Every structure is written in C-alpha cells, then in structure tokens.
Amino acid sequence: MPRQLSKPLVTKFEQLIKKKTGRQIPQAQLKDQQTERLLKLVEKKRSRHKDVVKVEVPARQQEGNVVDLMEVLKRSLAGKKKRA
C-alpha cells in the first residue's frame, strides 16, 4: 500500500509543479533549426535530381577462419564433465 504524504508536503509539491509549469516557452526556442537546414538541403538536391546520399559499398574482404562457437563450447563442456 502506498505511503500517505503529509498535507504540507503535498501542498509544497503542488506549488512547485505550478511554478514550473507556469512558464511559457517561446516558439522560436522549440524550432529545430538544424533539422530545418538539413531538410532544405535535401529539397535542393532533390530539385536538381541528385542523390541525397551516396553510399559506397566496400569490397568484401577475404573470409578468414570461421570458428564454430557451438562446437568449441560443446568440447569445452565435455572436457569439464569428464574431469568432474
């Protein structure tokens, strides 16, 4: 069962909540200017029919030794069972 708070403590919390929620934040502060600039750049590139992002896929390197971890784990556990 939740603990009951005293009346003065509840009043104090209510006053703090009212104090913090009473302020208005200007719309200019809420705008994400970095995102707006990025979206403008994307639209500019789209209008020129250029790719927005070019991705180069690196050539796959030679595959090295592939270790079967399950096999290694089975061998390890089998060795411990024999010792016990």
N, C-alpha and C. Protein backbone atom coordinates (compact mmCIF):
# COMPACT_ATOMS: atom_id res chain seq x y z
N MET A 1 0.84 -1.17 0.00
CA MET A 1 0.00 0.00 0.00
C MET A 1 0.89 1.24 0.00
N PRO A 2 0.57 2.25 -0.84
CA PRO A 2 1.42 3.43 -0.92
C PRO A 2 1.41 4.23 0.38
N ARG A 3 2.51 4.88 0.63
CA ARG A 3 2.66 5.68 1.84
C ARG A 3 1.90 7.00 1.68
N GLN A 4 1.21 7.42 2.71
CA GLN A 4 0.46 8.67 2.69
C GLN A 4 1.40 9.84 2.95
N LEU A 5 1.30 10.88 2.12
CA LEU A 5 2.12 12.07 2.30
C LEU A 5 1.36 13.06 3.19
N SER A 6 2.15 13.84 3.93
CA SER A 6 1.52 14.84 4.80
C SER A 6 0.95 15.98 3.96
N LYS A 7 -0.03 16.64 4.50
CA LYS A 7 -0.72 17.74 3.81
C LYS A 7 0.25 18.86 3.41
N PRO A 8 1.14 19.30 4.32
CA PRO A 8 2.10 20.36 3.93
C PRO A 8 3.03 19.93 2.79
N LEU A 9 3.43 18.68 2.79
CA LEU A 9 4.31 18.19 1.75
C LEU A 9 3.59 18.16 0.40
N VAL A 10 2.35 17.75 0.39
CA VAL A 10 1.55 17.73 -0.83
C VAL A 10 1.39 19.16 -1.36
N THR A 11 1.10 20.09 -0.46
CA THR A 11 0.95 21.50 -0.85
C THR A 11 2.25 22.04 -1.46
N LYS A 12 3.35 21.68 -0.85
CA LYS A 12 4.65 22.12 -1.35
C LYS A 12 4.88 21.59 -2.77
N PHE A 13 4.60 20.31 -3.01
CA PHE A 13 4.77 19.73 -4.33
C PHE A 13 3.85 20.39 -5.35
N GLU A 14 2.62 20.67 -4.95
CA GLU A 14 1.67 21.33 -5.85
C GLU A 14 2.17 22.71 -6.25
N GLN A 15 2.73 23.46 -5.30
CA GLN A 15 3.26 24.78 -5.59
C GLN A 15 4.45 24.70 -6.54
N LEU A 16 5.32 23.72 -6.32
CA LEU A 16 6.48 23.55 -7.21
C LEU A 16 6.03 23.20 -8.63
N ILE A 17 5.04 22.35 -8.74
CA ILE A 17 4.53 21.97 -10.07
C ILE A 17 3.93 23.17 -10.77
N LYS A 18 3.13 23.96 -10.06
CA LYS A 18 2.53 25.16 -10.64
C LYS A 18 3.60 26.15 -11.09
N LYS A 19 4.64 26.30 -10.27
CA LYS A 19 5.72 27.23 -10.58
C LYS A 19 6.45 26.80 -11.86
N LYS A 20 6.74 25.51 -11.99
CA LYS A 20 7.49 25.01 -13.15
C LYS A 20 6.64 24.96 -14.42
N THR A 21 5.34 24.70 -14.29
CA THR A 21 4.50 24.58 -15.48
C THR A 21 3.93 25.91 -15.92
N GLY A 22 4.07 26.94 -15.15
CA GLY A 22 3.51 28.23 -15.48
C GLY A 22 4.26 28.96 -16.58
N ARG A 23 5.53 28.64 -16.78
CA ARG A 23 6.34 29.34 -17.77
C ARG A 23 5.97 28.90 -19.18
N GLN A 24 5.98 29.85 -20.09
CA GLN A 24 5.74 29.56 -21.50
C GLN A 24 7.08 29.59 -22.23
N ILE A 25 7.27 28.64 -23.09
CA ILE A 25 8.50 28.59 -23.89
C ILE A 25 8.19 29.22 -25.25
N PRO A 26 9.00 30.18 -25.68
CA PRO A 26 8.75 30.81 -26.98
C PRO A 26 8.85 29.80 -28.12
N GLN A 27 8.03 29.99 -29.15
CA GLN A 27 8.02 29.09 -30.30
C GLN A 27 9.39 29.03 -30.97
N ALA A 28 10.11 30.13 -30.97
CA ALA A 28 11.43 30.16 -31.61
C ALA A 28 12.39 29.16 -30.96
N GLN A 29 12.25 28.97 -29.66
CA GLN A 29 13.11 28.01 -28.97
C GLN A 29 12.73 26.57 -29.27
N LEU A 30 11.51 26.34 -29.67
CA LEU A 30 11.05 24.98 -29.93
C LEU A 30 11.41 24.50 -31.34
N LYS A 31 11.78 25.41 -32.22
CA LYS A 31 12.12 25.03 -33.59
C LYS A 31 13.48 24.35 -33.61
N ASP A 32 13.57 23.33 -34.42
CA ASP A 32 14.83 22.62 -34.60
C ASP A 32 15.49 23.18 -35.86
N GLN A 33 16.35 24.14 -35.68
CA GLN A 33 16.95 24.83 -36.82
C GLN A 33 17.88 23.92 -37.62
N GLN A 34 18.58 23.04 -36.96
CA GLN A 34 19.48 22.12 -37.66
C GLN A 34 18.70 21.22 -38.61
N THR A 35 17.58 20.70 -38.15
CA THR A 35 16.75 19.83 -38.98
C THR A 35 16.17 20.62 -40.15
N GLU A 36 15.74 21.84 -39.90
CA GLU A 36 15.20 22.67 -40.98
C GLU A 36 16.25 22.91 -42.06
N ARG A 37 17.48 23.21 -41.67
CA ARG A 37 18.55 23.42 -42.66
C ARG A 37 18.81 22.14 -43.45
N LEU A 38 18.80 21.01 -42.76
CA LEU A 38 19.04 19.73 -43.43
C LEU A 38 17.92 19.42 -44.43
N LEU A 39 16.68 19.68 -44.04
CA LEU A 39 15.56 19.43 -44.95
C LEU A 39 15.62 20.35 -46.18
N LYS A 40 16.03 21.58 -45.99
CA LYS A 40 16.19 22.50 -47.13
C LYS A 40 17.26 21.98 -48.08
N LEU A 41 18.36 21.48 -47.55
CA LEU A 41 19.43 20.93 -48.38
C LEU A 41 18.94 19.71 -49.15
N VAL A 42 18.17 18.86 -48.50
CA VAL A 42 17.63 17.67 -49.16
C VAL A 42 16.71 18.08 -50.31
N GLU A 43 15.84 19.04 -50.07
CA GLU A 43 14.93 19.50 -51.12
C GLU A 43 15.70 20.13 -52.28
N LYS A 44 16.75 20.86 -51.97
CA LYS A 44 17.58 21.48 -53.01
C LYS A 44 18.21 20.41 -53.89
N LYS A 45 18.73 19.35 -53.27
CA LYS A 45 19.35 18.27 -54.05
C LYS A 45 18.30 17.49 -54.84
N ARG A 46 17.14 17.30 -54.26
CA ARG A 46 16.07 16.60 -54.97
C ARG A 46 15.63 17.38 -56.20
N SER A 47 15.54 18.70 -56.06
CA SER A 47 15.11 19.52 -57.19
C SER A 47 16.12 19.46 -58.33
N ARG A 48 17.38 19.21 -58.02
CA ARG A 48 18.43 19.07 -59.05
C ARG A 48 18.55 17.63 -59.54
N HIS A 49 17.71 16.75 -59.01
CA HIS A 49 17.71 15.33 -59.36
C HIS A 49 19.05 14.66 -59.05
N LYS A 50 19.63 15.05 -57.95
CA LYS A 50 20.86 14.42 -57.49
C LYS A 50 20.54 13.51 -56.32
N ASP A 51 21.36 12.50 -56.14
CA ASP A 51 21.18 11.63 -54.98
C ASP A 51 21.44 12.44 -53.72
N VAL A 52 20.61 12.22 -52.75
CA VAL A 52 20.78 12.91 -51.49
C VAL A 52 21.98 12.35 -50.74
N VAL A 53 22.11 11.04 -50.77
CA VAL A 53 23.21 10.38 -50.08
C VAL A 53 23.79 9.34 -51.01
N LYS A 54 25.08 9.38 -51.19
CA LYS A 54 25.76 8.35 -51.98
C LYS A 54 26.48 7.43 -51.01
N VAL A 55 26.26 6.17 -51.19
CA VAL A 55 26.86 5.19 -50.30
C VAL A 55 27.75 4.28 -51.13
N GLU A 56 28.97 4.17 -50.70
CA GLU A 56 29.88 3.24 -51.37
C GLU A 56 29.96 1.97 -50.54
N VAL A 57 29.73 0.87 -51.19
CA VAL A 57 29.80 -0.41 -50.50
C VAL A 57 31.21 -0.94 -50.68
N PRO A 58 31.94 -1.10 -49.58
CA PRO A 58 33.32 -1.59 -49.70
C PRO A 58 33.33 -3.04 -50.18
N ALA A 59 34.37 -3.38 -50.94
CA ALA A 59 34.51 -4.76 -51.42
C ALA A 59 34.71 -5.66 -50.21
N ARG A 60 34.11 -6.82 -50.27
CA ARG A 60 34.20 -7.75 -49.14
C ARG A 60 35.61 -8.31 -49.05
N GLN A 61 36.14 -8.26 -47.86
CA GLN A 61 37.48 -8.77 -47.64
C GLN A 61 37.46 -10.30 -47.63
N GLN A 62 38.63 -10.86 -47.79
CA GLN A 62 38.71 -12.32 -47.76
C GLN A 62 38.19 -12.83 -46.43
N GLU A 63 37.47 -13.92 -46.54
CA GLU A 63 36.96 -14.51 -45.30
C GLU A 63 38.10 -15.23 -44.60
N GLY A 64 38.21 -14.97 -43.32
CA GLY A 64 39.24 -15.61 -42.52
C GLY A 64 38.74 -16.93 -41.98
N ASN A 65 39.42 -17.43 -41.00
CA ASN A 65 38.99 -18.67 -40.37
C ASN A 65 37.69 -18.44 -39.63
N VAL A 66 36.70 -19.24 -39.93
CA VAL A 66 35.42 -19.15 -39.26
C VAL A 66 35.40 -20.18 -38.15
N VAL A 67 35.14 -19.75 -36.94
CA VAL A 67 35.14 -20.64 -35.79
C VAL A 67 33.70 -20.97 -35.43
N ASP A 68 33.40 -22.24 -35.30
CA ASP A 68 32.07 -22.67 -34.89
C ASP A 68 32.04 -22.61 -33.36
N LEU A 69 31.44 -21.57 -32.84
CA LEU A 69 31.44 -21.35 -31.40
C LEU A 69 30.68 -22.43 -30.64
N MET A 70 29.64 -22.95 -31.25
CA MET A 70 28.88 -24.02 -30.58
C MET A 70 29.76 -25.26 -30.41
N GLU A 71 30.53 -25.58 -31.43
CA GLU A 71 31.41 -26.75 -31.35
C GLU A 71 32.47 -26.55 -30.27
N VAL A 72 33.04 -25.37 -30.21
CA VAL A 72 34.05 -25.07 -29.19
C VAL A 72 33.43 -25.18 -27.79
N LEU A 73 32.23 -24.66 -27.63
CA LEU A 73 31.55 -24.72 -26.33
C LEU A 73 31.25 -26.16 -25.95
N LYS A 74 30.78 -26.98 -26.90
CA LYS A 74 30.49 -28.39 -26.61
C LYS A 74 31.75 -29.12 -26.17
N ARG A 75 32.86 -28.88 -26.85
CA ARG A 75 34.12 -29.54 -26.48
C ARG A 75 34.55 -29.11 -25.08
N SER A 76 34.40 -27.81 -24.81
CA SER A 76 34.79 -27.28 -23.51
C SER A 76 33.96 -27.92 -22.39
N LEU A 77 32.64 -28.00 -22.61
CA LEU A 77 31.78 -28.59 -21.59
C LEU A 77 32.01 -30.08 -21.45
N ALA A 78 32.29 -30.76 -22.56
CA ALA A 78 32.56 -32.19 -22.50
C ALA A 78 33.82 -32.46 -21.69
N GLY A 79 34.83 -31.61 -21.83
CA GLY A 79 36.08 -31.76 -21.07
C GLY A 79 35.84 -31.56 -19.59
N LYS A 80 34.98 -30.66 -19.21
CA LYS A 80 34.69 -30.40 -17.80
C LYS A 80 33.90 -31.54 -17.18
N LYS A 81 33.01 -32.18 -17.96
CA LYS A 81 32.22 -33.29 -17.45
C LYS A 81 33.11 -34.49 -17.14
N LYS A 82 34.10 -34.73 -18.01
CA LYS A 82 35.00 -35.87 -17.81
C LYS A 82 35.83 -35.69 -16.56
N ARG A 83 36.24 -34.45 -16.27
CA ARG A 83 37.07 -34.18 -15.11
C ARG A 83 36.28 -34.30 -13.81
N ALA A 84 35.00 -34.01 -13.87
CA ALA A 84 34.19 -34.00 -12.64
C ALA A 84 33.83 -35.35 -12.15
